[in-house]
Each structure stands twice: as structure tokens, then as C-alpha cells.
Amino acid sequence: MEILFYKDRFYIGDNPRTPQAAIRFRTVADDQIEVISTYTNPSLRGQGIARKLVEKVVDYARENKLKISSTCSYAQKVLAHDAYEDVYTQ
């Protein structure tokens, strides 16, 4: 499944407004984005898709020299791992 980008989200599906899976974020400072939600269609759950979406945001942040904060509990759990300490700020 291809992860696509549209404005304030990475998503999987044919339409960014009705995705099969998505992670949404917003800019909170010139050098920081905040993950606000993740969603995975029930038929796709348990396949690691939400984690892949978080990793896509991490890649985006690293490429753009951004920090990431999160109000999404799932993203917070993933981002708390040491592998993301260079971009995650609580």
C-alpha cells in the first residue's frame, strides 16, 4: 500500500478526505509539527499500518529538520522509543 501526502496528512486510499488509513498533523511552530490523530479502517488493523504512518511523519520531520509533538496517544506511544528521540519532543 502506498502512503500518499495531502496538505496536513499522510494517508492510504483513493481520496485523502475519506482514507483507509491516515495520520494528521499541524504546524505549531516554524520548526515543529504536532500529530493530532491516526486512523486505520477496521479491516486494515493489526497490519502495522498506523506505525508505518508514524514512521512516515518521522521521515518527513527529519527531511525538513522539524521536531514532532503529539496529542495522539498512539503516536505518543510509538514516538517515545529511543529511535525517535532526535525528532520527538514531549
PDB file of N, CA and C in Angstrom:
ATOM      1  N   MET A   1       0.826  -1.182   0.000  1.00  0.00           N
ATOM      2  CA  MET A   1       0.000   0.000   0.000  1.00  0.00           C
ATOM      3  C   MET A   1       0.871   1.247   0.000  1.00  0.00           C
ATOM      4  N   GLU A   2       0.530   2.160  -0.854  1.00  0.00           N
ATOM      5  CA  GLU A   2       1.297   3.385  -0.988  1.00  0.00           C
ATOM      6  C   GLU A   2       0.796   4.444  -0.001  1.00  0.00           C
ATOM      7  N   ILE A   3       1.737   5.080   0.674  1.00  0.00           N
ATOM      8  CA  ILE A   3       1.402   6.175   1.579  1.00  0.00           C
ATOM      9  C   ILE A   3       1.563   7.474   0.799  1.00  0.00           C
ATOM     10  N   LEU A   4       0.499   8.250   0.751  1.00  0.00           N
ATOM     11  CA  LEU A   4       0.462   9.494  -0.007  1.00  0.00           C
ATOM     12  C   LEU A   4       0.411  10.688   0.938  1.00  0.00           C
ATOM     13  N   PHE A   5       0.750  11.861   0.413  1.00  0.00           N
ATOM     14  CA  PHE A   5       0.727  13.099   1.197  1.00  0.00           C
ATOM     15  C   PHE A   5      -0.324  14.045   0.644  1.00  0.00           C
ATOM     16  N   TYR A   6      -1.060  14.691   1.536  1.00  0.00           N
ATOM     17  CA  TYR A   6      -2.020  15.725   1.153  1.00  0.00           C
ATOM     18  C   TYR A   6      -2.101  16.750   2.274  1.00  0.00           C
ATOM     19  N   LYS A   7      -1.672  17.951   2.015  1.00  0.00           N
ATOM     20  CA  LYS A   7      -1.734  19.100   2.933  1.00  0.00           C
ATOM     21  C   LYS A   7      -1.231  18.808   4.340  1.00  0.00           C
ATOM     22  N   ASP A   8      -2.094  18.286   5.188  1.00  0.00           N
ATOM     23  CA  ASP A   8      -1.791  18.110   6.606  1.00  0.00           C
ATOM     24  C   ASP A   8      -1.830  16.655   7.030  1.00  0.00           C
ATOM     25  N   ARG A   9      -1.631  15.753   6.089  1.00  0.00           N
ATOM     26  CA  ARG A   9      -1.752  14.330   6.427  1.00  0.00           C
ATOM     27  C   ARG A   9      -0.993  13.446   5.449  1.00  0.00           C
ATOM     28  N   PHE A  10      -0.668  12.270   5.959  1.00  0.00           N
ATOM     29  CA  PHE A  10      -0.247  11.157   5.124  1.00  0.00           C
ATOM     30  C   PHE A  10      -1.392  10.170   5.185  1.00  0.00           C
ATOM     31  N   TYR A  11      -1.683   9.524   4.064  1.00  0.00           N
ATOM     32  CA  TYR A  11      -2.852   8.649   4.036  1.00  0.00           C
ATOM     33  C   TYR A  11      -2.670   7.493   3.062  1.00  0.00           C
ATOM     34  N   ILE A  12      -3.530   6.514   3.212  1.00  0.00           N
ATOM     35  CA  ILE A  12      -3.620   5.379   2.303  1.00  0.00           C
ATOM     36  C   ILE A  12      -5.054   5.347   1.799  1.00  0.00           C
ATOM     37  N   GLY A  13      -5.210   5.249   0.503  1.00  0.00           N
ATOM     38  CA  GLY A  13      -6.548   5.198  -0.085  1.00  0.00           C
ATOM     39  C   GLY A  13      -6.635   6.029  -1.341  1.00  0.00           C
ATOM     40  N   ASP A  14      -7.822   6.076  -1.908  1.00  0.00           N
ATOM     41  CA  ASP A  14      -8.044   6.802  -3.152  1.00  0.00           C
ATOM     42  C   ASP A  14      -8.335   8.282  -2.944  1.00  0.00           C
ATOM     43  N   ASN A  15      -8.815   8.639  -1.760  1.00  0.00           N
ATOM     44  CA  ASN A  15      -9.239  10.007  -1.507  1.00  0.00           C
ATOM     45  C   ASN A  15      -8.711  10.451  -0.141  1.00  0.00           C
ATOM     46  N   PRO A  16      -7.970  11.556  -0.079  1.00  0.00           N
ATOM     47  CA  PRO A  16      -7.424  11.994   1.211  1.00  0.00           C
ATOM     48  C   PRO A  16      -8.493  12.402   2.224  1.00  0.00           C
ATOM     49  N   ARG A  17      -9.674  12.703   1.757  1.00  0.00           N
ATOM     50  CA  ARG A  17     -10.747  13.107   2.674  1.00  0.00           C
ATOM     51  C   ARG A  17     -11.500  11.910   3.255  1.00  0.00           C
ATOM     52  N   THR A  18     -11.393  10.765   2.598  1.00  0.00           N
ATOM     53  CA  THR A  18     -12.016   9.524   3.097  1.00  0.00           C
ATOM     54  C   THR A  18     -11.006   8.382   2.978  1.00  0.00           C
ATOM     55  N   PRO A  19      -9.907   8.477   3.714  1.00  0.00           N
ATOM     56  CA  PRO A  19      -8.834   7.491   3.578  1.00  0.00           C
ATOM     57  C   PRO A  19      -9.147   6.162   4.265  1.00  0.00           C
ATOM     58  N   GLN A  20      -8.414   5.143   3.860  1.00  0.00           N
ATOM     59  CA  GLN A  20      -8.472   3.856   4.541  1.00  0.00           C
ATOM     60  C   GLN A  20      -7.639   3.899   5.820  1.00  0.00           C
ATOM     61  N   ALA A  21      -6.618   4.751   5.811  1.00  0.00           N
ATOM     62  CA  ALA A  21      -5.768   4.973   6.984  1.00  0.00           C
ATOM     63  C   ALA A  21      -5.131   6.350   6.826  1.00  0.00           C
ATOM     64  N   ALA A  22      -4.891   7.018   7.947  1.00  0.00           N
ATOM     65  CA  ALA A  22      -4.314   8.361   7.862  1.00  0.00           C
ATOM     66  C   ALA A  22      -3.678   8.772   9.178  1.00  0.00           C
ATOM     67  N   ILE A  23      -2.730   9.688   9.056  1.00  0.00           N
ATOM     68  CA  ILE A  23      -2.169  10.370  10.213  1.00  0.00           C
ATOM     69  C   ILE A  23      -2.215  11.854   9.890  1.00  0.00           C
ATOM     70  N   ARG A  24      -2.813  12.630  10.792  1.00  0.00           N
ATOM     71  CA  ARG A  24      -2.963  14.065  10.581  1.00  0.00           C
ATOM     72  C   ARG A  24      -2.045  14.822  11.532  1.00  0.00           C
ATOM     73  N   PHE A  25      -1.524  15.943  11.041  1.00  0.00           N
ATOM     74  CA  PHE A  25      -0.661  16.784  11.859  1.00  0.00           C
ATOM     75  C   PHE A  25      -0.884  18.243  11.499  1.00  0.00           C
ATOM     76  N   ARG A  26      -0.373  19.112  12.355  1.00  0.00           N
ATOM     77  CA  ARG A  26      -0.462  20.546  12.094  1.00  0.00           C
ATOM     78  C   ARG A  26       0.855  21.196  12.477  1.00  0.00           C
ATOM     79  N   THR A  27       1.124  22.325  11.887  1.00  0.00           N
ATOM     80  CA  THR A  27       2.313  23.094  12.215  1.00  0.00           C
ATOM     81  C   THR A  27       2.024  23.911  13.469  1.00  0.00           C
ATOM     82  N   VAL A  28       2.890  23.791  14.466  1.00  0.00           N
ATOM     83  CA  VAL A  28       2.706  24.552  15.706  1.00  0.00           C
ATOM     84  C   VAL A  28       3.799  25.599  15.911  1.00  0.00           C
ATOM     85  N   ALA A  29       4.873  25.497  15.137  1.00  0.00           N
ATOM     86  CA  ALA A  29       5.966  26.475  15.161  1.00  0.00           C
ATOM     87  C   ALA A  29       6.739  26.304  13.859  1.00  0.00           C
ATOM     88  N   ASP A  30       7.629  27.226  13.578  1.00  0.00           N
ATOM     89  CA  ASP A  30       8.405  27.128  12.341  1.00  0.00           C
ATOM     90  C   ASP A  30       9.186  25.826  12.247  1.00  0.00           C
ATOM     91  N   ASP A  31       9.536  25.278  13.403  1.00  0.00           N
ATOM     92  CA  ASP A  31      10.363  24.073  13.417  1.00  0.00           C
ATOM     93  C   ASP A  31       9.681  22.889  14.104  1.00  0.00           C
ATOM     94  N   GLN A  32       8.352  22.924  14.201  1.00  0.00           N
ATOM     95  CA  GLN A  32       7.662  21.845  14.921  1.00  0.00           C
ATOM     96  C   GLN A  32       6.285  21.553  14.334  1.00  0.00           C
ATOM     97  N   ILE A  33       5.984  20.246  14.252  1.00  0.00           N
ATOM     98  CA  ILE A  33       4.646  19.794  13.889  1.00  0.00           C
ATOM     99  C   ILE A  33       4.084  18.980  15.044  1.00  0.00           C
ATOM    100  N   GLU A  34       2.766  18.884  15.085  1.00  0.00           N
ATOM    101  CA  GLU A  34       2.089  18.130  16.134  1.00  0.00           C
ATOM    102  C   GLU A  34       1.165  17.106  15.487  1.00  0.00           C
ATOM    103  N   VAL A  35       1.366  15.841  15.819  1.00  0.00           N
ATOM    104  CA  VAL A  35       0.464  14.794  15.342  1.00  0.00           C
ATOM    105  C   VAL A  35      -0.819  14.908  16.147  1.00  0.00           C
ATOM    106  N   ILE A  36      -1.958  14.998  15.443  1.00  0.00           N
ATOM    107  CA  ILE A  36      -3.227  15.167  16.150  1.00  0.00           C
ATOM    108  C   ILE A  36      -4.127  13.943  16.073  1.00  0.00           C
ATOM    109  N   SER A  37      -3.892  13.061  15.105  1.00  0.00           N
ATOM    110  CA  SER A  37      -4.720  11.849  15.064  1.00  0.00           C
ATOM    111  C   SER A  37      -4.142  10.813  14.115  1.00  0.00           C
ATOM    112  N   THR A  38      -4.455   9.566  14.414  1.00  0.00           N
ATOM    113  CA  THR A  38      -4.202   8.461  13.490  1.00  0.00           C
ATOM    114  C   THR A  38      -5.511   7.709  13.333  1.00  0.00           C
ATOM    115  N   TYR A  39      -5.705   7.141  12.154  1.00  0.00           N
ATOM    116  CA  TYR A  39      -6.910   6.355  11.888  1.00  0.00           C
ATOM    117  C   TYR A  39      -6.541   5.211  10.961  1.00  0.00           C
ATOM    118  N   THR A  40      -7.051   4.040  11.265  1.00  0.00           N
ATOM    119  CA  THR A  40      -6.926   2.882  10.387  1.00  0.00           C
ATOM    120  C   THR A  40      -8.287   2.215  10.301  1.00  0.00           C
ATOM    121  N   ASN A  41      -8.750   1.981   9.090  1.00  0.00           N
ATOM    122  CA  ASN A  41     -10.012   1.283   8.872  1.00  0.00           C
ATOM    123  C   ASN A  41      -9.952  -0.058   9.597  1.00  0.00           C
ATOM    124  N   PRO A  42     -11.022  -0.466  10.266  1.00  0.00           N
ATOM    125  CA  PRO A  42     -11.006  -1.737  10.998  1.00  0.00           C
ATOM    126  C   PRO A  42     -10.542  -2.935  10.165  1.00  0.00           C
ATOM    127  N   SER A  43     -10.831  -2.934   8.884  1.00  0.00           N
ATOM    128  CA  SER A  43     -10.423  -4.064   8.038  1.00  0.00           C
ATOM    129  C   SER A  43      -8.913  -4.123   7.820  1.00  0.00           C
ATOM    130  N   LEU A  44      -8.205  -3.038   8.134  1.00  0.00           N
ATOM    131  CA  LEU A  44      -6.754  -2.984   7.937  1.00  0.00           C
ATOM    132  C   LEU A  44      -5.970  -3.038   9.247  1.00  0.00           C
ATOM    133  N   ARG A  45      -6.660  -3.061  10.364  1.00  0.00           N
ATOM    134  CA  ARG A  45      -5.972  -3.028  11.658  1.00  0.00           C
ATOM    135  C   ARG A  45      -5.186  -4.314  11.901  1.00  0.00           C
ATOM    136  N   GLY A  46      -4.149  -4.195  12.704  1.00  0.00           N
ATOM    137  CA  GLY A  46      -3.318  -5.344  13.034  1.00  0.00           C
ATOM    138  C   GLY A  46      -2.248  -5.646  12.005  1.00  0.00           C
ATOM    139  N   GLN A  47      -2.060  -4.761  11.036  1.00  0.00           N
ATOM    140  CA  GLN A  47      -1.071  -4.971   9.978  1.00  0.00           C
ATOM    141  C   GLN A  47       0.116  -4.014  10.084  1.00  0.00           C
ATOM    142  N   GLY A  48       0.164  -3.235  11.153  1.00  0.00           N
ATOM    143  CA  GLY A  48       1.274  -2.306  11.346  1.00  0.00           C
ATOM    144  C   GLY A  48       1.175  -1.033  10.521  1.00  0.00           C
ATOM    145  N   ILE A  49       0.005  -0.762   9.974  1.00  0.00           N
ATOM    146  CA  ILE A  49      -0.156   0.404   9.108  1.00  0.00           C
ATOM    147  C   ILE A  49      -0.034   1.707   9.892  1.00  0.00           C
ATOM    148  N   ALA A  50      -0.628   1.788  11.063  1.00  0.00           N
ATOM    149  CA  ALA A  50      -0.540   3.014  11.863  1.00  0.00           C
ATOM    150  C   ALA A  50       0.917   3.324  12.204  1.00  0.00           C
ATOM    151  N   ARG A  51       1.687   2.313  12.535  1.00  0.00           N
ATOM    152  CA  ARG A  51       3.113   2.519  12.827  1.00  0.00           C
ATOM    153  C   ARG A  51       3.846   3.041  11.591  1.00  0.00           C
ATOM    154  N   LYS A  52       3.530   2.487  10.432  1.00  0.00           N
ATOM    155  CA  LYS A  52       4.158   2.959   9.189  1.00  0.00           C
ATOM    156  C   LYS A  52       3.819   4.419   8.925  1.00  0.00           C
ATOM    157  N   LEU A  53       2.603   4.816   9.255  1.00  0.00           N
ATOM    158  CA  LEU A  53       2.221   6.216   9.087  1.00  0.00           C
ATOM    159  C   LEU A  53       3.008   7.116  10.039  1.00  0.00           C
ATOM    160  N   VAL A  54       3.185   6.686  11.277  1.00  0.00           N
ATOM    161  CA  VAL A  54       4.003   7.459  12.219  1.00  0.00           C
ATOM    162  C   VAL A  54       5.431   7.557  11.693  1.00  0.00           C
ATOM    163  N   GLU A  55       5.973   6.462  11.199  1.00  0.00           N
ATOM    164  CA  GLU A  55       7.332   6.472  10.650  1.00  0.00           C
ATOM    165  C   GLU A  55       7.439   7.412   9.451  1.00  0.00           C
ATOM    166  N   LYS A  56       6.387   7.518   8.668  1.00  0.00           N
ATOM    167  CA  LYS A  56       6.374   8.437   7.528  1.00  0.00           C
ATOM    168  C   LYS A  56       6.456   9.881   8.015  1.00  0.00           C
ATOM    169  N   VAL A  57       5.749  10.204   9.086  1.00  0.00           N
ATOM    170  CA  VAL A  57       5.826  11.547   9.664  1.00  0.00           C
ATOM    171  C   VAL A  57       7.231  11.803  10.209  1.00  0.00           C
ATOM    172  N   VAL A  58       7.833  10.802  10.819  1.00  0.00           N
ATOM    173  CA  VAL A  58       9.205  10.938  11.319  1.00  0.00           C
ATOM    174  C   VAL A  58      10.149  11.237  10.158  1.00  0.00           C
ATOM    175  N   ASP A  59      10.027  10.497   9.069  1.00  0.00           N
ATOM    176  CA  ASP A  59      10.863  10.758   7.887  1.00  0.00           C
ATOM    177  C   ASP A  59      10.664  12.189   7.386  1.00  0.00           C
ATOM    178  N   TYR A  60       9.419  12.616   7.325  1.00  0.00           N
ATOM    179  CA  TYR A  60       9.083  13.971   6.888  1.00  0.00           C
ATOM    180  C   TYR A  60       9.740  15.005   7.809  1.00  0.00           C
ATOM    181  N   ALA A  61       9.655  14.784   9.110  1.00  0.00           N
ATOM    182  CA  ALA A  61      10.252  15.709  10.074  1.00  0.00           C
ATOM    183  C   ALA A  61      11.772  15.760   9.919  1.00  0.00           C
ATOM    184  N   ARG A  62      12.389  14.615   9.780  1.00  0.00           N
ATOM    185  CA  ARG A  62      13.850  14.590   9.620  1.00  0.00           C
ATOM    186  C   ARG A  62      14.276  15.298   8.340  1.00  0.00           C
ATOM    187  N   GLU A  63      13.574  15.039   7.254  1.00  0.00           N
ATOM    188  CA  GLU A  63      13.908  15.670   5.972  1.00  0.00           C
ATOM    189  C   GLU A  63      13.760  17.188   6.030  1.00  0.00           C
ATOM    190  N   ASN A  64      12.830  17.659   6.842  1.00  0.00           N
ATOM    191  CA  ASN A  64      12.545  19.089   6.921  1.00  0.00           C
ATOM    192  C   ASN A  64      13.073  19.746   8.191  1.00  0.00           C
ATOM    193  N   LYS A  65      13.902  19.000   8.935  1.00  0.00           N
ATOM    194  CA  LYS A  65      14.522  19.494  10.169  1.00  0.00           C
ATOM    195  C   LYS A  65      13.481  20.037  11.153  1.00  0.00           C
ATOM    196  N   LEU A  66      12.455  19.209  11.395  1.00  0.00           N
ATOM    197  CA  LEU A  66      11.371  19.562  12.297  1.00  0.00           C
ATOM    198  C   LEU A  66      11.370  18.672  13.529  1.00  0.00           C
ATOM    199  N   LYS A  67      10.808  19.172  14.597  1.00  0.00           N
ATOM    200  CA  LYS A  67      10.525  18.375  15.785  1.00  0.00           C
ATOM    201  C   LYS A  67       9.061  17.962  15.727  1.00  0.00           C
ATOM    202  N   ILE A  68       8.725  16.890  16.446  1.00  0.00           N
ATOM    203  CA  ILE A  68       7.357  16.383  16.481  1.00  0.00           C
ATOM    204  C   ILE A  68       6.872  16.345  17.924  1.00  0.00           C
ATOM    205  N   SER A  69       5.689  16.881  18.139  1.00  0.00           N
ATOM    206  CA  SER A  69       4.966  16.662  19.386  1.00  0.00           C
ATOM    207  C   SER A  69       3.695  15.922  19.002  1.00  0.00           C
ATOM    208  N   SER A  70       2.936  15.475  19.989  1.00  0.00           N
ATOM    209  CA  SER A  70       1.737  14.715  19.651  1.00  0.00           C
ATOM    210  C   SER A  70       0.673  14.824  20.727  1.00  0.00           C
ATOM    211  N   THR A  71      -0.564  14.974  20.296  1.00  0.00           N
ATOM    212  CA  THR A  71      -1.709  14.856  21.191  1.00  0.00           C
ATOM    213  C   THR A  71      -2.429  13.540  20.941  1.00  0.00           C
ATOM    214  N   CYS A  72      -1.936  12.763  20.003  1.00  0.00           N
ATOM    215  CA  CYS A  72      -2.494  11.445  19.676  1.00  0.00           C
ATOM    216  C   CYS A  72      -1.801  10.393  20.546  1.00  0.00           C
ATOM    217  N   SER A  73      -2.561   9.674  21.340  1.00  0.00           N
ATOM    218  CA  SER A  73      -1.965   8.712  22.278  1.00  0.00           C
ATOM    219  C   SER A  73      -1.208   7.597  21.564  1.00  0.00           C
ATOM    220  N   TYR A  74      -1.694   7.133  20.425  1.00  0.00           N
ATOM    221  CA  TYR A  74      -0.976   6.081  19.702  1.00  0.00           C
ATOM    222  C   TYR A  74       0.378   6.601  19.221  1.00  0.00           C
ATOM    223  N   ALA A  75       0.390   7.766  18.605  1.00  0.00           N
ATOM    224  CA  ALA A  75       1.650   8.330  18.119  1.00  0.00           C
ATOM    225  C   ALA A  75       2.609   8.585  19.279  1.00  0.00           C
ATOM    226  N   GLN A  76       2.105   9.053  20.416  1.00  0.00           N
ATOM    227  CA  GLN A  76       2.959   9.278  21.585  1.00  0.00           C
ATOM    228  C   GLN A  76       3.662   7.991  21.993  1.00  0.00           C
ATOM    229  N   LYS A  77       2.919   6.895  21.996  1.00  0.00           N
ATOM    230  CA  LYS A  77       3.478   5.600  22.390  1.00  0.00           C
ATOM    231  C   LYS A  77       4.604   5.180  21.444  1.00  0.00           C
ATOM    232  N   VAL A  78       4.381   5.326  20.155  1.00  0.00           N
ATOM    233  CA  VAL A  78       5.401   4.947  19.167  1.00  0.00           C
ATOM    234  C   VAL A  78       6.601   5.882  19.259  1.00  0.00           C
ATOM    235  N   LEU A  79       6.348   7.172  19.311  1.00  0.00           N
ATOM    236  CA  LEU A  79       7.424   8.166  19.296  1.00  0.00           C
ATOM    237  C   LEU A  79       8.280   8.154  20.557  1.00  0.00           C
ATOM    238  N   ALA A  80       7.799   7.562  21.628  1.00  0.00           N
ATOM    239  CA  ALA A  80       8.559   7.503  22.880  1.00  0.00           C
ATOM    240  C   ALA A  80       9.776   6.586  22.791  1.00  0.00           C
ATOM    241  N   HIS A  81       9.871   5.758  21.764  1.00  0.00           N
ATOM    242  CA  HIS A  81      11.016   4.863  21.605  1.00  0.00           C
ATOM    243  C   HIS A  81      12.285   5.658  21.280  1.00  0.00           C
ATOM    244  N   ASP A  82      13.410   5.147  21.726  1.00  0.00           N
ATOM    245  CA  ASP A  82      14.699   5.817  21.545  1.00  0.00           C
ATOM    246  C   ASP A  82      15.018   6.137  20.089  1.00  0.00           C
ATOM    247  N   ALA A  83      14.528   5.348  19.164  1.00  0.00           N
ATOM    248  CA  ALA A  83      14.833   5.547  17.744  1.00  0.00           C
ATOM    249  C   ALA A  83      14.337   6.898  17.225  1.00  0.00           C
ATOM    250  N   TYR A  84      13.430   7.513  17.968  1.00  0.00           N
ATOM    251  CA  TYR A  84      12.838   8.769  17.513  1.00  0.00           C
ATOM    252  C   TYR A  84      13.214   9.959  18.388  1.00  0.00           C
ATOM    253  N   GLU A  85      14.165   9.776  19.302  1.00  0.00           N
ATOM    254  CA  GLU A  85      14.496  10.842  20.241  1.00  0.00           C
ATOM    255  C   GLU A  85      15.061  12.085  19.558  1.00  0.00           C
ATOM    256  N   ASP A  86      15.577  11.932  18.344  1.00  0.00           N
ATOM    257  CA  ASP A  86      16.112  13.097  17.639  1.00  0.00           C
ATOM    258  C   ASP A  86      15.020  14.036  17.129  1.00  0.00           C
ATOM    259  N   VAL A  87      13.791  13.534  16.993  1.00  0.00           N
ATOM    260  CA  VAL A  87      12.710  14.377  16.479  1.00  0.00           C
ATOM    261  C   VAL A  87      11.553  14.561  17.453  1.00  0.00           C
ATOM    262  N   TYR A  88      11.393  13.669  18.408  1.00  0.00           N
ATOM    263  CA  TYR A  88      10.225  13.728  19.301  1.00  0.00           C
ATOM    264  C   TYR A  88      10.480  14.629  20.491  1.00  0.00           C
ATOM    265  N   THR A  89       9.561  15.523  20.716  1.00  0.00           N
ATOM    266  CA  THR A  89       9.596  16.382  21.886  1.00  0.00           C
ATOM    267  C   THR A  89       8.252  16.268  22.590  1.00  0.00           C
ATOM    268  N   GLN A  90       8.289  16.112  23.897  1.00  0.00           N
ATOM    269  CA  GLN A  90       7.032  15.898  24.630  1.00  0.00           C
ATOM    270  C   GLN A  90       6.420  17.176  25.117  1.00  0.00           C
TER     271      GLN A  90
END
